[in-house]
Amino acid sequence: MADFANVLARMTNRPVIDRTGLPGSFDLDLQFSPTGLPGAAPAGPDRSSSDDDRPSLFTALQEQLGLKLESTRTGVDVLVIDRAERPLPD
């Protein structure tokens, strides 16, 4: 589930923390429309009409997998680089 949370984080451009407590590996099949997700191609005439029939990512997670993304405030680890210097030659 931690790997799936990482995939969801990349898809939503937001941190996703796995709080399911489910260990192990899973084979997931999730059908959803990418419309509205950051980086998704804009809807247009060249888009498949089957995308319109699919639910949003958030609805699909809840209906198909029984998972729910909740927006909360929490601490996350962040890497801060104060400065960078070129290495000195030997």
N, C-alpha and C. Protein backbone atom coordinates (compact mmCIF):
# COMPACT_ATOMS: atom_id res chain seq x y z
N MET A 1 0.82 -1.19 0.00
CA MET A 1 0.00 0.00 0.00
C MET A 1 0.86 1.26 0.00
N ALA A 2 2.05 1.17 0.58
CA ALA A 2 2.93 2.34 0.59
C ALA A 2 3.33 2.71 -0.83
N ASP A 3 3.59 1.71 -1.68
CA ASP A 3 3.93 1.98 -3.09
C ASP A 3 2.74 2.61 -3.81
N PHE A 4 1.54 2.13 -3.52
CA PHE A 4 0.33 2.68 -4.13
C PHE A 4 0.14 4.13 -3.68
N ALA A 5 0.43 4.43 -2.42
CA ALA A 5 0.34 5.81 -1.92
C ALA A 5 1.32 6.70 -2.68
N ASN A 6 2.50 6.20 -2.99
CA ASN A 6 3.48 6.97 -3.77
C ASN A 6 2.97 7.24 -5.18
N VAL A 7 2.31 6.27 -5.78
CA VAL A 7 1.74 6.46 -7.12
C VAL A 7 0.64 7.53 -7.06
N LEU A 8 -0.21 7.45 -6.05
CA LEU A 8 -1.27 8.44 -5.90
C LEU A 8 -0.70 9.84 -5.67
N ALA A 9 0.40 9.92 -4.94
CA ALA A 9 1.05 11.21 -4.69
C ALA A 9 1.54 11.82 -6.00
N ARG A 10 2.13 11.00 -6.86
CA ARG A 10 2.60 11.51 -8.15
C ARG A 10 1.43 11.93 -9.03
N MET A 11 0.34 11.20 -8.97
CA MET A 11 -0.82 11.51 -9.80
C MET A 11 -1.53 12.78 -9.35
N THR A 12 -1.56 13.04 -8.07
CA THR A 12 -2.30 14.17 -7.54
C THR A 12 -1.41 15.38 -7.24
N ASN A 13 -0.10 15.20 -7.33
CA ASN A 13 0.86 16.26 -6.98
C ASN A 13 0.68 16.74 -5.54
N ARG A 14 0.34 15.81 -4.66
CA ARG A 14 0.18 16.10 -3.24
C ARG A 14 0.74 14.93 -2.45
N PRO A 15 1.24 15.18 -1.25
CA PRO A 15 1.73 14.06 -0.43
C PRO A 15 0.57 13.14 -0.06
N VAL A 16 0.79 11.83 -0.16
CA VAL A 16 -0.21 10.84 0.25
C VAL A 16 0.46 9.92 1.24
N ILE A 17 -0.12 9.81 2.42
CA ILE A 17 0.43 8.99 3.50
C ILE A 17 -0.44 7.76 3.67
N ASP A 18 0.18 6.59 3.65
CA ASP A 18 -0.54 5.32 3.82
C ASP A 18 -0.87 5.13 5.29
N ARG A 19 -2.16 5.19 5.61
CA ARG A 19 -2.61 4.93 6.98
C ARG A 19 -3.54 3.71 7.03
N THR A 20 -3.45 2.87 6.01
CA THR A 20 -4.33 1.70 5.97
C THR A 20 -3.88 0.62 6.95
N GLY A 21 -2.57 0.53 7.17
CA GLY A 21 -2.06 -0.53 8.03
C GLY A 21 -2.08 -1.89 7.35
N LEU A 22 -2.30 -1.92 6.04
CA LEU A 22 -2.36 -3.19 5.31
C LEU A 22 -0.97 -3.57 4.81
N PRO A 23 -0.42 -4.68 5.31
CA PRO A 23 0.90 -5.12 4.84
C PRO A 23 0.76 -5.97 3.58
N GLY A 24 1.86 -6.19 2.91
CA GLY A 24 1.87 -7.11 1.78
C GLY A 24 1.68 -6.42 0.45
N SER A 25 1.61 -7.25 -0.58
CA SER A 25 1.45 -6.76 -1.95
C SER A 25 0.03 -7.00 -2.43
N PHE A 26 -0.43 -6.15 -3.32
CA PHE A 26 -1.78 -6.26 -3.85
C PHE A 26 -1.75 -6.06 -5.36
N ASP A 27 -2.66 -6.73 -6.05
CA ASP A 27 -2.84 -6.56 -7.49
C ASP A 27 -4.11 -5.74 -7.66
N LEU A 28 -3.96 -4.44 -8.03
CA LEU A 28 -5.10 -3.53 -8.10
C LEU A 28 -5.48 -3.26 -9.53
N ASP A 29 -6.77 -3.15 -9.78
CA ASP A 29 -7.30 -2.75 -11.08
C ASP A 29 -8.26 -1.61 -10.81
N LEU A 30 -7.88 -0.40 -11.18
CA LEU A 30 -8.66 0.79 -10.89
C LEU A 30 -9.00 1.49 -12.19
N GLN A 31 -10.29 1.63 -12.47
CA GLN A 31 -10.76 2.29 -13.68
C GLN A 31 -11.27 3.67 -13.31
N PHE A 32 -10.64 4.73 -13.86
CA PHE A 32 -11.06 6.09 -13.55
C PHE A 32 -10.73 7.02 -14.71
N SER A 33 -11.34 8.20 -14.69
CA SER A 33 -11.06 9.22 -15.69
C SER A 33 -9.97 10.14 -15.17
N PRO A 34 -8.93 10.39 -15.96
CA PRO A 34 -7.85 11.28 -15.52
C PRO A 34 -8.23 12.76 -15.58
N THR A 35 -9.41 13.07 -16.09
CA THR A 35 -9.83 14.46 -16.19
C THR A 35 -9.81 15.12 -14.82
N GLY A 36 -9.21 16.29 -14.75
CA GLY A 36 -9.15 17.03 -13.51
C GLY A 36 -7.89 16.79 -12.70
N LEU A 37 -7.10 15.79 -13.06
CA LEU A 37 -5.85 15.54 -12.35
C LEU A 37 -4.75 16.44 -12.89
N PRO A 38 -3.83 16.88 -12.03
CA PRO A 38 -2.73 17.70 -12.52
C PRO A 38 -1.93 16.94 -13.59
N GLY A 39 -1.63 17.60 -14.68
CA GLY A 39 -0.85 16.98 -15.75
C GLY A 39 -1.66 16.15 -16.72
N ALA A 40 -2.96 16.02 -16.47
CA ALA A 40 -3.81 15.25 -17.40
C ALA A 40 -4.05 16.07 -18.65
N ALA A 41 -4.15 15.38 -19.77
CA ALA A 41 -4.43 16.07 -21.02
C ALA A 41 -5.82 16.71 -20.94
N PRO A 42 -5.97 17.91 -21.47
CA PRO A 42 -7.28 18.55 -21.42
C PRO A 42 -8.31 17.77 -22.24
N ALA A 43 -9.55 17.82 -21.79
CA ALA A 43 -10.62 17.14 -22.51
C ALA A 43 -10.79 17.79 -23.87
N GLY A 44 -11.02 16.97 -24.87
CA GLY A 44 -11.17 17.50 -26.22
C GLY A 44 -11.81 16.46 -27.10
N PRO A 45 -12.02 16.79 -28.37
CA PRO A 45 -12.68 15.85 -29.27
C PRO A 45 -11.85 14.59 -29.54
N ASP A 46 -10.52 14.66 -29.35
CA ASP A 46 -9.68 13.48 -29.61
C ASP A 46 -9.64 12.54 -28.42
N ARG A 47 -10.22 12.94 -27.29
CA ARG A 47 -10.24 12.08 -26.11
C ARG A 47 -11.28 10.98 -26.28
N SER A 48 -11.02 9.82 -25.72
CA SER A 48 -11.94 8.70 -25.81
C SER A 48 -13.22 9.01 -25.03
N SER A 49 -14.36 8.66 -25.61
CA SER A 49 -15.64 8.90 -24.91
C SER A 49 -15.78 7.98 -23.71
N SER A 50 -15.00 6.88 -23.66
CA SER A 50 -15.09 5.98 -22.51
C SER A 50 -14.55 6.64 -21.24
N ASP A 51 -13.64 7.66 -21.40
CA ASP A 51 -13.15 8.39 -20.24
C ASP A 51 -14.28 9.15 -19.55
N ASP A 52 -15.24 9.63 -20.34
CA ASP A 52 -16.37 10.37 -19.77
C ASP A 52 -17.25 9.48 -18.92
N ASP A 53 -17.27 8.19 -19.20
CA ASP A 53 -18.11 7.25 -18.47
C ASP A 53 -17.47 6.79 -17.16
N ARG A 54 -16.19 7.03 -17.01
CA ARG A 54 -15.48 6.57 -15.82
C ARG A 54 -15.58 7.62 -14.71
N PRO A 55 -15.55 7.15 -13.45
CA PRO A 55 -15.60 8.10 -12.33
C PRO A 55 -14.25 8.79 -12.13
N SER A 56 -14.24 9.83 -11.31
CA SER A 56 -13.00 10.50 -10.97
C SER A 56 -12.12 9.55 -10.16
N LEU A 57 -10.85 9.89 -10.01
CA LEU A 57 -9.94 9.06 -9.24
C LEU A 57 -10.45 8.86 -7.81
N PHE A 58 -10.92 9.93 -7.20
CA PHE A 58 -11.34 9.88 -5.80
C PHE A 58 -12.59 9.00 -5.62
N THR A 59 -13.53 9.11 -6.56
CA THR A 59 -14.73 8.27 -6.51
C THR A 59 -14.38 6.81 -6.78
N ALA A 60 -13.50 6.57 -7.75
CA ALA A 60 -13.10 5.20 -8.09
C ALA A 60 -12.38 4.53 -6.92
N LEU A 61 -11.53 5.26 -6.23
CA LEU A 61 -10.84 4.69 -5.06
C LEU A 61 -11.85 4.19 -4.03
N GLN A 62 -12.86 5.00 -3.78
CA GLN A 62 -13.83 4.64 -2.75
C GLN A 62 -14.77 3.53 -3.22
N GLU A 63 -15.27 3.62 -4.43
CA GLU A 63 -16.24 2.64 -4.91
C GLU A 63 -15.61 1.30 -5.29
N GLN A 64 -14.42 1.33 -5.92
CA GLN A 64 -13.83 0.10 -6.43
C GLN A 64 -12.88 -0.58 -5.44
N LEU A 65 -12.21 0.21 -4.59
CA LEU A 65 -11.22 -0.37 -3.68
C LEU A 65 -11.58 -0.19 -2.21
N GLY A 66 -12.59 0.61 -1.92
CA GLY A 66 -12.96 0.84 -0.52
C GLY A 66 -11.96 1.72 0.20
N LEU A 67 -11.19 2.52 -0.54
CA LEU A 67 -10.20 3.42 0.05
C LEU A 67 -10.68 4.85 -0.11
N LYS A 68 -10.26 5.71 0.81
CA LYS A 68 -10.69 7.10 0.76
C LYS A 68 -9.49 8.01 0.99
N LEU A 69 -9.34 9.00 0.13
CA LEU A 69 -8.31 10.01 0.33
C LEU A 69 -8.93 11.15 1.14
N GLU A 70 -8.33 11.44 2.27
CA GLU A 70 -8.82 12.52 3.12
C GLU A 70 -7.75 13.59 3.21
N SER A 71 -8.15 14.83 3.07
CA SER A 71 -7.22 15.95 3.18
C SER A 71 -7.10 16.33 4.66
N THR A 72 -5.88 16.22 5.19
CA THR A 72 -5.61 16.59 6.57
C THR A 72 -4.28 17.32 6.64
N ARG A 73 -4.04 17.92 7.78
CA ARG A 73 -2.75 18.56 8.01
C ARG A 73 -1.91 17.62 8.87
N THR A 74 -0.68 17.41 8.43
CA THR A 74 0.23 16.55 9.16
C THR A 74 1.66 16.93 8.79
N GLY A 75 2.59 16.49 9.57
CA GLY A 75 3.99 16.76 9.27
C GLY A 75 4.51 15.79 8.23
N VAL A 76 5.35 16.29 7.34
CA VAL A 76 5.99 15.45 6.35
C VAL A 76 7.48 15.78 6.33
N ASP A 77 8.30 14.81 6.00
CA ASP A 77 9.74 15.03 5.90
C ASP A 77 10.04 15.82 4.63
N VAL A 78 10.89 16.82 4.78
CA VAL A 78 11.27 17.66 3.65
C VAL A 78 12.78 17.81 3.65
N LEU A 79 13.39 17.70 2.48
CA LEU A 79 14.82 17.89 2.33
C LEU A 79 15.06 19.33 1.90
N VAL A 80 15.85 20.07 2.69
CA VAL A 80 16.17 21.46 2.39
C VAL A 80 17.66 21.56 2.11
N ILE A 81 18.02 22.14 0.96
CA ILE A 81 19.41 22.36 0.60
C ILE A 81 19.68 23.85 0.73
N ASP A 82 20.53 24.21 1.70
CA ASP A 82 20.84 25.62 1.94
C ASP A 82 21.74 26.20 0.87
N ARG A 83 22.74 25.42 0.45
CA ARG A 83 23.62 25.90 -0.60
C ARG A 83 24.34 24.70 -1.22
N ALA A 84 24.92 24.93 -2.39
CA ALA A 84 25.69 23.89 -3.08
C ALA A 84 26.96 24.53 -3.62
N GLU A 85 28.06 23.80 -3.54
CA GLU A 85 29.35 24.29 -4.05
C GLU A 85 29.96 23.23 -4.94
N ARG A 86 30.74 23.69 -5.90
CA ARG A 86 31.45 22.76 -6.76
C ARG A 86 32.57 22.11 -5.94
N PRO A 87 32.83 20.82 -6.17
CA PRO A 87 33.91 20.17 -5.44
C PRO A 87 35.29 20.71 -5.88
N LEU A 88 36.22 20.72 -4.96
CA LEU A 88 37.58 21.18 -5.27
C LEU A 88 38.34 20.06 -6.00
N PRO A 89 39.18 20.45 -6.98
CA PRO A 89 39.96 19.39 -7.67
C PRO A 89 40.97 18.77 -6.73
N ASP A 90 41.33 17.53 -6.95
CA ASP A 90 42.28 16.82 -6.11
C ASP A 90 43.68 17.33 -6.27
